Amino acid sequence: MGRSIKKGPFVDAHLIKKVESVRATSDKRPIKTWSRRSTVLPDFVGLTIAVHNGKQHIPVYVTENMVGHKLGEFSPTRIFKKHGAHTAKVEAKAKG
Protein backbone atom coordinates (compact mmCIF):
# COMPACT_ATOMS: atom_id res chain seq x y z
CA MET A 1 0.00 0.00 0.00
CA GLY A 2 1.42 3.37 -1.01
CA ARG A 3 1.30 6.76 0.59
CA SER A 4 -1.75 8.97 0.03
CA ILE A 5 -1.53 11.61 -2.67
CA LYS A 6 -2.81 14.23 -0.24
CA LYS A 7 0.27 13.82 1.98
CA GLY A 8 2.76 13.79 -0.88
CA PRO A 9 6.08 11.94 -1.09
CA PHE A 10 8.11 11.45 2.09
CA VAL A 11 11.58 12.99 2.23
CA ASP A 12 13.55 13.60 5.43
CA ALA A 13 13.86 17.31 6.22
CA HIS A 14 17.62 17.13 6.72
CA LEU A 15 18.05 15.66 3.22
CA ILE A 16 15.99 18.45 1.65
CA LYS A 17 18.18 21.03 3.44
CA LYS A 18 21.35 19.37 2.12
CA VAL A 19 19.98 19.30 -1.45
CA GLU A 20 18.95 22.95 -1.30
CA SER A 21 22.37 24.02 -0.02
CA VAL A 22 24.14 22.02 -2.77
CA ARG A 23 21.85 23.50 -5.43
CA ALA A 24 22.62 27.02 -4.18
CA THR A 25 26.39 26.51 -4.33
CA SER A 26 26.44 24.10 -7.33
CA ASP A 27 28.78 21.77 -5.42
CA LYS A 28 29.64 18.48 -7.18
CA ARG A 29 30.56 16.43 -4.08
CA PRO A 30 28.18 13.58 -3.17
CA ILE A 31 25.59 14.21 -0.46
CA LYS A 32 25.96 11.62 2.32
CA THR A 33 22.72 10.29 3.72
CA TRP A 34 21.45 7.43 5.86
CA SER A 35 17.87 8.09 4.79
CA ARG A 36 17.07 5.09 2.59
CA ARG A 37 13.34 5.70 3.15
CA SER A 38 13.29 9.07 1.38
CA THR A 39 11.61 9.35 -2.01
CA VAL A 40 13.59 10.74 -4.95
CA LEU A 41 12.19 14.13 -5.97
CA PRO A 42 12.69 15.96 -9.28
CA ASP A 43 14.97 18.40 -7.38
CA PHE A 44 17.48 15.56 -6.89
CA VAL A 45 18.03 14.95 -10.63
CA GLY A 46 21.64 15.53 -11.61
CA LEU A 47 23.01 15.17 -8.08
CA THR A 48 25.09 12.35 -6.63
CA ILE A 49 23.74 11.06 -3.34
CA ALA A 50 25.83 8.63 -1.26
CA VAL A 51 23.27 6.26 0.27
CA HIS A 52 24.32 4.14 3.26
CA ASN A 53 23.80 0.38 2.85
CA GLY A 54 24.65 -0.59 6.44
CA LYS A 55 28.38 -0.79 5.87
CA GLN A 56 29.40 1.98 3.47
CA HIS A 57 27.98 4.82 1.39
CA ILE A 58 27.17 3.84 -2.20
CA PRO A 59 27.24 6.81 -4.62
CA VAL A 60 24.03 7.04 -6.65
CA TYR A 61 23.77 9.48 -9.57
CA VAL A 62 20.10 10.48 -9.75
CA THR A 63 18.44 10.47 -13.20
CA GLU A 64 14.88 11.29 -14.29
CA ASN A 65 13.88 7.61 -14.30
CA MET A 66 14.54 7.36 -10.54
CA VAL A 67 11.98 10.01 -9.55
CA GLY A 68 9.29 8.49 -7.33
CA HIS A 69 11.43 5.58 -6.14
CA LYS A 70 13.09 5.27 -2.72
CA LEU A 71 16.82 5.93 -2.30
CA GLY A 72 17.30 2.53 -0.67
CA GLU A 73 16.34 0.78 -3.91
CA PHE A 74 19.59 1.91 -5.51
CA SER A 75 21.92 0.86 -2.69
CA PRO A 76 21.79 -2.93 -2.20
CA THR A 77 22.33 -4.19 1.35
CA ARG A 78 23.23 -7.78 0.49
CA ILE A 79 26.12 -9.16 -1.53
CA PHE A 80 25.26 -12.12 -3.76
CA LYS A 81 27.92 -14.79 -3.88
CA LYS A 82 27.71 -17.37 -6.61
CA HIS A 83 25.60 -20.51 -6.01
CA GLY A 84 27.62 -23.68 -5.84
CA ALA A 85 31.01 -22.01 -5.57
CA HIS A 86 32.31 -24.76 -3.32
CA THR A 87 31.30 -27.56 -5.70
CA ALA A 88 32.87 -25.73 -8.65
CA LYS A 89 36.20 -25.59 -6.80
CA VAL A 90 36.02 -29.31 -6.00
CA GLU A 91 35.28 -30.18 -9.65
CA ALA A 92 38.15 -27.99 -10.87
CA LYS A 93 40.58 -29.78 -8.51
CA ALA A 94 39.34 -33.19 -9.68
CA LYS A 95 39.89 -32.32 -13.36
CA GLY A 96 43.32 -30.84 -13.03
PDB file of N, CA and C in Angstrom:
ATOM      1  N   MET A   1       0.845  -1.166   0.000  1.00  0.00           N
ATOM      2  CA  MET A   1       0.000   0.000   0.000  1.00  0.00           C
ATOM      3  C   MET A   1       0.897   1.238   0.000  1.00  0.00           C
ATOM      4  N   GLY A   2       0.608   2.166  -0.881  1.00  0.00           N
ATOM      5  CA  GLY A   2       1.416   3.369  -1.007  1.00  0.00           C
ATOM      6  C   GLY A   2       0.952   4.484  -0.091  1.00  0.00           C
ATOM      7  N   ARG A   3       1.619   5.582  -0.202  1.00  0.00           N
ATOM      8  CA  ARG A   3       1.301   6.759   0.595  1.00  0.00           C
ATOM      9  C   ARG A   3       0.205   7.547  -0.116  1.00  0.00           C
ATOM     10  N   SER A   4      -0.651   8.230   0.645  1.00  0.00           N
ATOM     11  CA  SER A   4      -1.747   8.967   0.028  1.00  0.00           C
ATOM     12  C   SER A   4      -1.228  10.161  -0.766  1.00  0.00           C
ATOM     13  N   ILE A   5      -1.927  10.494  -1.812  1.00  0.00           N
ATOM     14  CA  ILE A   5      -1.532  11.613  -2.669  1.00  0.00           C
ATOM     15  C   ILE A   5      -1.637  12.935  -1.913  1.00  0.00           C
ATOM     16  N   LYS A   6      -2.610  13.010  -1.012  1.00  0.00           N
ATOM     17  CA  LYS A   6      -2.807  14.232  -0.237  1.00  0.00           C
ATOM     18  C   LYS A   6      -1.571  14.588   0.589  1.00  0.00           C
ATOM     19  N   LYS A   7      -0.916  13.577   1.151  1.00  0.00           N
ATOM     20  CA  LYS A   7       0.273  13.821   1.975  1.00  0.00           C
ATOM     21  C   LYS A   7       1.496  14.148   1.138  1.00  0.00           C
ATOM     22  N   GLY A   8       1.593  13.572  -0.041  1.00  0.00           N
ATOM     23  CA  GLY A   8       2.762  13.792  -0.884  1.00  0.00           C
ATOM     24  C   GLY A   8       3.881  12.835  -0.544  1.00  0.00           C
ATOM     25  N   PRO A   9       4.970  12.871  -1.324  1.00  0.00           N
ATOM     26  CA  PRO A   9       6.082  11.936  -1.091  1.00  0.00           C
ATOM     27  C   PRO A   9       6.834  12.277   0.190  1.00  0.00           C
ATOM     28  N   PHE A  10       7.352  11.236   0.863  1.00  0.00           N
ATOM     29  CA  PHE A  10       8.107  11.452   2.094  1.00  0.00           C
ATOM     30  C   PHE A  10       9.579  11.655   1.786  1.00  0.00           C
ATOM     31  N   VAL A  11      10.136  12.739   2.303  1.00  0.00           N
ATOM     32  CA  VAL A  11      11.576  12.992   2.226  1.00  0.00           C
ATOM     33  C   VAL A  11      11.980  13.594   3.565  1.00  0.00           C
ATOM     34  N   ASP A  12      13.073  13.068   4.155  1.00  0.00           N
ATOM     35  CA  ASP A  12      13.548  13.603   5.426  1.00  0.00           C
ATOM     36  C   ASP A  12      13.940  15.069   5.265  1.00  0.00           C
ATOM     37  N   ALA A  13      13.616  15.870   6.266  1.00  0.00           N
ATOM     38  CA  ALA A  13      13.863  17.311   6.219  1.00  0.00           C
ATOM     39  C   ALA A  13      15.350  17.632   6.096  1.00  0.00           C
ATOM     40  N   HIS A  14      16.185  16.847   6.770  1.00  0.00           N
ATOM     41  CA  HIS A  14      17.621  17.131   6.718  1.00  0.00           C
ATOM     42  C   HIS A  14      18.187  16.874   5.317  1.00  0.00           C
ATOM     43  N   LEU A  15      17.600  15.944   4.583  1.00  0.00           N
ATOM     44  CA  LEU A  15      18.053  15.664   3.219  1.00  0.00           C
ATOM     45  C   LEU A  15      17.643  16.799   2.284  1.00  0.00           C
ATOM     46  N   ILE A  16      16.447  17.317   2.469  1.00  0.00           N
ATOM     47  CA  ILE A  16      15.991  18.454   1.646  1.00  0.00           C
ATOM     48  C   ILE A  16      16.890  19.664   1.877  1.00  0.00           C
ATOM     49  N   LYS A  17      17.278  19.914   3.135  1.00  0.00           N
ATOM     50  CA  LYS A  17      18.183  21.033   3.443  1.00  0.00           C
ATOM     51  C   LYS A  17      19.512  20.865   2.726  1.00  0.00           C
ATOM     52  N   LYS A  18      20.064  19.639   2.772  1.00  0.00           N
ATOM     53  CA  LYS A  18      21.352  19.375   2.120  1.00  0.00           C
ATOM     54  C   LYS A  18      21.248  19.589   0.604  1.00  0.00           C
ATOM     55  N   VAL A  19      20.165  19.145  -0.003  1.00  0.00           N
ATOM     56  CA  VAL A  19      19.980  19.297  -1.449  1.00  0.00           C
ATOM     57  C   VAL A  19      19.857  20.766  -1.816  1.00  0.00           C
ATOM     58  N   GLU A  20      19.106  21.513  -1.026  1.00  0.00           N
ATOM     59  CA  GLU A  20      18.948  22.945  -1.302  1.00  0.00           C
ATOM     60  C   GLU A  20      20.275  23.686  -1.187  1.00  0.00           C
ATOM     61  N   SER A  21      21.084  23.343  -0.184  1.00  0.00           N
ATOM     62  CA  SER A  21      22.374  24.021  -0.024  1.00  0.00           C
ATOM     63  C   SER A  21      23.331  23.672  -1.168  1.00  0.00           C
ATOM     64  N   VAL A  22      23.291  22.422  -1.647  1.00  0.00           N
ATOM     65  CA  VAL A  22      24.138  22.020  -2.770  1.00  0.00           C
ATOM     66  C   VAL A  22      23.681  22.708  -4.053  1.00  0.00           C
ATOM     67  N   ARG A  23      22.382  22.806  -4.250  1.00  0.00           N
ATOM     68  CA  ARG A  23      21.846  23.498  -5.432  1.00  0.00           C
ATOM     69  C   ARG A  23      22.246  24.974  -5.441  1.00  0.00           C
ATOM     70  N   ALA A  24      22.265  25.598  -4.273  1.00  0.00           N
ATOM     71  CA  ALA A  24      22.616  27.020  -4.181  1.00  0.00           C
ATOM     72  C   ALA A  24      24.088  27.259  -4.501  1.00  0.00           C
ATOM     73  N   THR A  25      24.955  26.327  -4.112  1.00  0.00           N
ATOM     74  CA  THR A  25      26.393  26.509  -4.330  1.00  0.00           C
ATOM     75  C   THR A  25      26.906  25.754  -5.551  1.00  0.00           C
ATOM     76  N   SER A  26      26.076  24.953  -6.190  1.00  0.00           N
ATOM     77  CA  SER A  26      26.439  24.097  -7.334  1.00  0.00           C
ATOM     78  C   SER A  26      27.685  23.266  -7.040  1.00  0.00           C
ATOM     79  N   ASP A  27      27.687  22.637  -5.862  1.00  0.00           N
ATOM     80  CA  ASP A  27      28.780  21.771  -5.423  1.00  0.00           C
ATOM     81  C   ASP A  27      28.616  20.393  -6.059  1.00  0.00           C
ATOM     82  N   LYS A  28      29.697  19.776  -6.508  1.00  0.00           N
ATOM     83  CA  LYS A  28      29.637  18.478  -7.184  1.00  0.00           C
ATOM     84  C   LYS A  28      29.935  17.292  -6.265  1.00  0.00           C
ATOM     85  N   ARG A  29      30.277  17.534  -5.009  1.00  0.00           N
ATOM     86  CA  ARG A  29      30.559  16.434  -4.082  1.00  0.00           C
ATOM     87  C   ARG A  29      29.276  15.679  -3.747  1.00  0.00           C
ATOM     88  N   PRO A  30      29.380  14.360  -3.517  1.00  0.00           N
ATOM     89  CA  PRO A  30      28.182  13.581  -3.165  1.00  0.00           C
ATOM     90  C   PRO A  30      27.603  14.011  -1.822  1.00  0.00           C
ATOM     91  N   ILE A  31      26.298  13.903  -1.707  1.00  0.00           N
ATOM     92  CA  ILE A  31      25.594  14.206  -0.461  1.00  0.00           C
ATOM     93  C   ILE A  31      25.469  12.898   0.311  1.00  0.00           C
ATOM     94  N   LYS A  32      26.059  12.827   1.501  1.00  0.00           N
ATOM     95  CA  LYS A  32      25.964  11.616   2.318  1.00  0.00           C
ATOM     96  C   LYS A  32      24.625  11.590   3.041  1.00  0.00           C
ATOM     97  N   THR A  33      23.971  10.429   3.002  1.00  0.00           N
ATOM     98  CA  THR A  33      22.716  10.288   3.722  1.00  0.00           C
ATOM     99  C   THR A  33      22.529   8.852   4.202  1.00  0.00           C
ATOM    100  N   TRP A  34      21.836   8.725   5.306  1.00  0.00           N
ATOM    101  CA  TRP A  34      21.454   7.430   5.856  1.00  0.00           C
ATOM    102  C   TRP A  34      19.966   7.190   5.617  1.00  0.00           C
ATOM    103  N   SER A  35      19.307   8.135   4.987  1.00  0.00           N
ATOM    104  CA  SER A  35      17.867   8.087   4.790  1.00  0.00           C
ATOM    105  C   SER A  35      17.508   7.282   3.546  1.00  0.00           C
ATOM    106  N   ARG A  36      17.438   5.972   3.694  1.00  0.00           N
ATOM    107  CA  ARG A  36      17.068   5.089   2.591  1.00  0.00           C
ATOM    108  C   ARG A  36      15.567   5.169   2.307  1.00  0.00           C
ATOM    109  N   ARG A  37      14.800   5.660   3.274  1.00  0.00           N
ATOM    110  CA  ARG A  37      13.343   5.701   3.153  1.00  0.00           C
ATOM    111  C   ARG A  37      12.835   6.907   2.385  1.00  0.00           C
ATOM    112  N   SER A  38      13.707   7.855   2.073  1.00  0.00           N
ATOM    113  CA  SER A  38      13.286   9.068   1.381  1.00  0.00           C
ATOM    114  C   SER A  38      13.012   8.800  -0.096  1.00  0.00           C
ATOM    115  N   THR A  39      11.980   9.464  -0.605  1.00  0.00           N
ATOM    116  CA  THR A  39      11.607   9.352  -2.013  1.00  0.00           C
ATOM    117  C   THR A  39      12.449  10.307  -2.838  1.00  0.00           C
ATOM    118  N   VAL A  40      12.820   9.887  -4.039  1.00  0.00           N
ATOM    119  CA  VAL A  40      13.590  10.741  -4.945  1.00  0.00           C
ATOM    120  C   VAL A  40      12.644  11.763  -5.565  1.00  0.00           C
ATOM    121  N   LEU A  41      12.981  13.039  -5.415  1.00  0.00           N
ATOM    122  CA  LEU A  41      12.192  14.129  -5.967  1.00  0.00           C
ATOM    123  C   LEU A  41      12.841  14.655  -7.246  1.00  0.00           C
ATOM    124  N   PRO A  42      12.093  15.378  -8.075  1.00  0.00           N
ATOM    125  CA  PRO A  42      12.685  15.965  -9.281  1.00  0.00           C
ATOM    126  C   PRO A  42      13.839  16.927  -8.975  1.00  0.00           C
ATOM    127  N   ASP A  43      13.873  17.503  -7.770  1.00  0.00           N
ATOM    128  CA  ASP A  43      14.967  18.401  -7.383  1.00  0.00           C
ATOM    129  C   ASP A  43      16.299  17.669  -7.269  1.00  0.00           C
ATOM    130  N   PHE A  44      16.268  16.345  -7.077  1.00  0.00           N
ATOM    131  CA  PHE A  44      17.481  15.561  -6.886  1.00  0.00           C
ATOM    132  C   PHE A  44      18.171  15.204  -8.199  1.00  0.00           C
ATOM    133  N   VAL A  45      17.487  15.368  -9.327  1.00  0.00           N
ATOM    134  CA  VAL A  45      18.030  14.948 -10.627  1.00  0.00           C
ATOM    135  C   VAL A  45      19.319  15.700 -10.923  1.00  0.00           C
ATOM    136  N   GLY A  46      20.343  14.949 -11.290  1.00  0.00           N
ATOM    137  CA  GLY A  46      21.640  15.530 -11.613  1.00  0.00           C
ATOM    138  C   GLY A  46      22.606  15.556 -10.447  1.00  0.00           C
ATOM    139  N   LEU A  47      22.149  15.188  -9.258  1.00  0.00           N
ATOM    140  CA  LEU A  47      23.009  15.169  -8.075  1.00  0.00           C
ATOM    141  C   LEU A  47      23.498  13.752  -7.804  1.00  0.00           C
ATOM    142  N   THR A  48      24.599  13.643  -7.100  1.00  0.00           N
ATOM    143  CA  THR A  48      25.089  12.353  -6.635  1.00  0.00           C
ATOM    144  C   THR A  48      24.833  12.276  -5.137  1.00  0.00           C
ATOM    145  N   ILE A  49      24.087  11.252  -4.744  1.00  0.00           N
ATOM    146  CA  ILE A  49      23.741  11.065  -3.341  1.00  0.00           C
ATOM    147  C   ILE A  49      24.376   9.763  -2.877  1.00  0.00           C
ATOM    148  N   ALA A  50      25.174   9.821  -1.820  1.00  0.00           N
ATOM    149  CA  ALA A  50      25.827   8.633  -1.260  1.00  0.00           C
ATOM    150  C   ALA A  50      24.893   8.021  -0.220  1.00  0.00           C
ATOM    151  N   VAL A  51      24.257   6.909  -0.581  1.00  0.00           N
ATOM    152  CA  VAL A  51      23.266   6.255   0.269  1.00  0.00           C
ATOM    153  C   VAL A  51      23.941   5.145   1.067  1.00  0.00           C
ATOM    154  N   HIS A  52      23.699   5.134   2.374  1.00  0.00           N
ATOM    155  CA  HIS A  52      24.318   4.141   3.261  1.00  0.00           C
ATOM    156  C   HIS A  52      23.618   2.798   3.104  1.00  0.00           C
ATOM    157  N   ASN A  53      24.396   1.718   2.997  1.00  0.00           N
ATOM    158  CA  ASN A  53      23.798   0.384   2.850  1.00  0.00           C
ATOM    159  C   ASN A  53      23.987  -0.468   4.100  1.00  0.00           C
ATOM    160  N   GLY A  54      24.419   0.139   5.202  1.00  0.00           N
ATOM    161  CA  GLY A  54      24.648  -0.592   6.442  1.00  0.00           C
ATOM    162  C   GLY A  54      26.113  -0.759   6.734  1.00  0.00           C
ATOM    163  N   LYS A  55      26.942  -0.633   5.705  1.00  0.00           N
ATOM    164  CA  LYS A  55      28.381  -0.792   5.871  1.00  0.00           C
ATOM    165  C   LYS A  55      29.148   0.395   5.299  1.00  0.00           C
ATOM    166  N   GLN A  56      28.713   0.877   4.139  1.00  0.00           N
ATOM    167  CA  GLN A  56      29.405   1.982   3.470  1.00  0.00           C
ATOM    168  C   GLN A  56      28.392   2.817   2.700  1.00  0.00           C
ATOM    169  N   HIS A  57      28.839   3.956   2.200  1.00  0.00           N
ATOM    170  CA  HIS A  57      27.982   4.820   1.391  1.00  0.00           C
ATOM    171  C   HIS A  57      28.203   4.494  -0.082  1.00  0.00           C
ATOM    172  N   ILE A  58      27.124   4.162  -0.777  1.00  0.00           N
ATOM    173  CA  ILE A  58      27.169   3.835  -2.199  1.00  0.00           C
ATOM    174  C   ILE A  58      26.752   5.079  -2.977  1.00  0.00           C
ATOM    175  N   PRO A  59      27.619   5.628  -3.849  1.00  0.00           N
ATOM    176  CA  PRO A  59      27.242   6.808  -4.620  1.00  0.00           C
ATOM    177  C   PRO A  59      26.195   6.459  -5.684  1.00  0.00           C
ATOM    178  N   VAL A  60      25.124   7.245  -5.707  1.00  0.00           N
ATOM    179  CA  VAL A  60      24.032   7.043  -6.649  1.00  0.00           C
ATOM    180  C   VAL A  60      23.828   8.346  -7.414  1.00  0.00           C
ATOM    181  N   TYR A  61      24.037   8.306  -8.737  1.00  0.00           N
ATOM    182  CA  TYR A  61      23.771   9.482  -9.572  1.00  0.00           C
ATOM    183  C   TYR A  61      22.299   9.443  -9.944  1.00  0.00           C
ATOM    184  N   VAL A  62      21.550  10.473  -9.584  1.00  0.00           N
ATOM    185  CA  VAL A  62      20.102  10.480  -9.754  1.00  0.00           C
ATOM    186  C   VAL A  62      19.739  10.950 -11.167  1.00  0.00           C
ATOM    187  N   THR A  63      18.937  10.129 -11.865  1.00  0.00           N
ATOM    188  CA  THR A  63      18.438  10.470 -13.196  1.00  0.00           C
ATOM    189  C   THR A  63      16.921  10.639 -13.138  1.00  0.00           C
ATOM    190  N   GLU A  64      16.330  11.041 -14.250  1.00  0.00           N
ATOM    191  CA  GLU A  64      14.884  11.288 -14.287  1.00  0.00           C
ATOM    192  C   GLU A  64      14.076  10.015 -14.057  1.00  0.00           C
ATOM    193  N   ASN A  65      14.613   8.873 -14.460  1.00  0.00           N
ATOM    194  CA  ASN A  65      13.880   7.614 -14.304  1.00  0.00           C
ATOM    195  C   ASN A  65      13.734   7.194 -12.849  1.00  0.00           C
ATOM    196  N   MET A  66      14.561   7.748 -11.951  1.00  0.00           N
ATOM    197  CA  MET A  66      14.542   7.361 -10.542  1.00  0.00           C
ATOM    198  C   MET A  66      13.505   8.126  -9.729  1.00  0.00           C
ATOM    199  N   VAL A  67      12.932   9.178 -10.288  1.00  0.00           N
ATOM    200  CA  VAL A  67      11.977  10.010  -9.552  1.00  0.00           C
ATOM    201  C   VAL A  67      10.774   9.165  -9.144  1.00  0.00           C
ATOM    202  N   GLY A  68      10.417   9.241  -7.867  1.00  0.00           N
ATOM    203  CA  GLY A  68       9.290   8.488  -7.329  1.00  0.00           C
ATOM    204  C   GLY A  68       9.700   7.217  -6.610  1.00  0.00           C
ATOM    205  N   HIS A  69      10.929   6.760  -6.828  1.00  0.00           N
ATOM    206  CA  HIS A  69      11.429   5.575  -6.141  1.00  0.00           C
ATOM    207  C   HIS A  69      12.092   5.986  -4.827  1.00  0.00           C
ATOM    208  N   LYS A  70      12.400   5.009  -3.990  1.00  0.00           N
ATOM    209  CA  LYS A  70      13.088   5.266  -2.724  1.00  0.00           C
ATOM    210  C   LYS A  70      14.593   5.182  -2.944  1.00  0.00           C
ATOM    211  N   LEU A  71      15.362   5.944  -2.164  1.00  0.00           N
ATOM    212  CA  LEU A  71      16.819   5.930  -2.298  1.00  0.00           C
ATOM    213  C   LEU A  71      17.407   4.556  -1.988  1.00  0.00           C
ATOM    214  N   GLY A  72      16.804   3.840  -1.054  1.00  0.00           N
ATOM    215  CA  GLY A  72      17.299   2.534  -0.665  1.00  0.00           C
ATOM    216  C   GLY A  72      17.260   1.502  -1.778  1.00  0.00           C
ATOM    217  N   GLU A  73      16.438   1.727  -2.800  1.00  0.00           N
ATOM    218  CA  GLU A  73      16.345   0.780  -3.908  1.00  0.00           C
ATOM    219  C   GLU A  73      17.626   0.744  -4.731  1.00  0.00           C
ATOM    220  N   PHE A  74      18.410   1.791  -4.668  1.00  0.00           N
ATOM    221  CA  PHE A  74      19.594   1.911  -5.506  1.00  0.00           C
ATOM    222  C   PHE A  74      20.884   1.619  -4.750  1.00  0.00           C
ATOM    223  N   SER A  75      20.762   1.191  -3.508  1.00  0.00           N
ATOM    224  CA  SER A  75      21.923   0.864  -2.693  1.00  0.00           C
ATOM    225  C   SER A  75      21.684  -0.500  -2.045  1.00  0.00           C
ATOM    226  N   PRO A  76      22.086  -1.590  -2.727  1.00  0.00           N
ATOM    227  CA  PRO A  76      21.791  -2.928  -2.197  1.00  0.00           C
ATOM    228  C   PRO A  76      22.491  -3.200  -0.873  1.00  0.00           C
ATOM    229  N   THR A  77      21.792  -3.916   0.012  1.00  0.00           N
ATOM    230  CA  THR A  77      22.331  -4.194   1.346  1.00  0.00           C
ATOM    231  C   THR A  77      22.947  -5.576   1.443  1.00  0.00           C
ATOM    232  N   ARG A  78      22.709  -6.408   0.457  1.00  0.00           N
ATOM    233  CA  ARG A  78      23.228  -7.781   0.493  1.00  0.00           C
ATOM    234  C   ARG A  78      24.144  -8.020  -0.695  1.00  0.00           C
ATOM    235  N   ILE A  79      25.183  -8.824  -0.471  1.00  0.00           N
ATOM    236  CA  ILE A  79      26.125  -9.165  -1.531  1.00  0.00           C
ATOM    237  C   ILE A  79      25.840 -10.600  -1.967  1.00  0.00           C
ATOM    238  N   PHE A  80      25.539 -10.780  -3.246  1.00  0.00           N
ATOM    239  CA  PHE A  80      25.258 -12.122  -3.756  1.00  0.00           C
ATOM    240  C   PHE A  80      26.566 -12.808  -4.104  1.00  0.00           C
ATOM    241  N   LYS A  81      26.766 -13.957  -3.535  1.00  0.00           N
ATOM    242  CA  LYS A  81      27.921 -14.790  -3.880  1.00  0.00           C
ATOM    243  C   LYS A  81      27.388 -15.972  -4.669  1.00  0.00           C
ATOM    244  N   LYS A  82      28.121 -16.366  -5.642  1.00  0.00           N
ATOM    245  CA  LYS A  82      27.708 -17.372  -6.608  1.00  0.00           C
ATOM    246  C   LYS A  82      27.207 -18.663  -5.945  1.00  0.00           C
ATOM    247  N   HIS A  83      26.113 -19.216  -6.485  1.00  0.00           N
ATOM    248  CA  HIS A  83      25.604 -20.505  -6.015  1.00  0.00           C
ATOM    249  C   HIS A  83      26.569 -21.610  -6.415  1.00  0.00           C
ATOM    250  N   GLY A  84      26.808 -22.528  -5.525  1.00  0.00           N
ATOM    251  CA  GLY A  84      27.620 -23.681  -5.840  1.00  0.00           C
ATOM    252  C   GLY A  84      29.091 -23.391  -6.021  1.00  0.00           C
ATOM    253  N   ALA A  85      29.598 -22.363  -5.416  1.00  0.00           N
ATOM    254  CA  ALA A  85      31.007 -22.012  -5.571  1.00  0.00           C
ATOM    255  C   ALA A  85      31.907 -23.109  -5.009  1.00  0.00           C
ATOM    256  N   HIS A  86      31.500 -23.701  -3.933  1.00  0.00           N
ATOM    257  CA  HIS A  86      32.310 -24.756  -3.319  1.00  0.00           C
ATOM    258  C   HIS A  86      32.414 -25.980  -4.233  1.00  0.00           C
ATOM    259  N   THR A  87      31.289 -26.401  -4.822  1.00  0.00           N
ATOM    260  CA  THR A  87      31.299 -27.557  -5.700  1.00  0.00           C
ATOM    261  C   THR A  87      32.102 -27.294  -6.972  1.00  0.00           C
ATOM    262  N   ALA A  88      32.095 -26.073  -7.466  1.00  0.00           N
ATOM    263  CA  ALA A  88      32.873 -25.730  -8.653  1.00  0.00           C
ATOM    264  C   ALA A  88      34.365 -25.860  -8.368  1.00  0.00           C
ATOM    265  N   LYS A  89      34.784 -25.473  -7.185  1.00  0.00           N
ATOM    266  CA  LYS A  89      36.201 -25.593  -6.798  1.00  0.00           C
ATOM    267  C   LYS A  89      36.602 -27.069  -6.709  1.00  0.00           C
ATOM    268  N   VAL A  90      35.732 -27.889  -6.138  1.00  0.00           N
ATOM    269  CA  VAL A  90      36.024 -29.311  -5.996  1.00  0.00           C
ATOM    270  C   VAL A  90      36.126 -29.965  -7.377  1.00  0.00           C
ATOM    271  N   GLU A  91      35.242 -29.617  -8.296  1.00  0.00           N
ATOM    272  CA  GLU A  91      35.276 -30.178  -9.645  1.00  0.00           C
ATOM    273  C   GLU A  91      36.544 -29.742 -10.387  1.00  0.00           C
ATOM    274  N   ALA A  92      36.962 -28.496 -10.197  1.00  0.00           N
ATOM    275  CA  ALA A  92      38.154 -27.994 -10.867  1.00  0.00           C
ATOM    276  C   ALA A  92      39.392 -28.731 -10.366  1.00  0.00           C
ATOM    277  N   LYS A  93      39.452 -29.027  -9.065  1.00  0.00           N
ATOM    278  CA  LYS A  93      40.582 -29.776  -8.515  1.00  0.00           C
ATOM    279  C   LYS A  93      40.608 -31.209  -9.043  1.00  0.00           C
ATOM    280  N   ALA A  94      39.428 -31.810  -9.209  1.00  0.00           N
ATOM    281  CA  ALA A  94      39.341 -33.193  -9.677  1.00  0.00           C
ATOM    282  C   ALA A  94      39.793 -33.309 -11.133  1.00  0.00           C
ATOM    283  N   LYS A  95      39.500 -32.301 -11.938  1.00  0.00           N
ATOM    284  CA  LYS A  95      39.886 -32.317 -13.357  1.00  0.00           C
ATOM    285  C   LYS A  95      41.396 -32.093 -13.529  1.00  0.00           C
ATOM    286  N   GLY A  96      41.942 -31.226 -12.775  1.00  0.00           N
ATOM    287  CA  GLY A  96      43.323 -30.836 -13.033  1.00  0.00           C
ATOM    288  C   GLY A  96      44.218 -31.141 -11.938  1.00  0.00           C
TER     289      GLY A  96
END
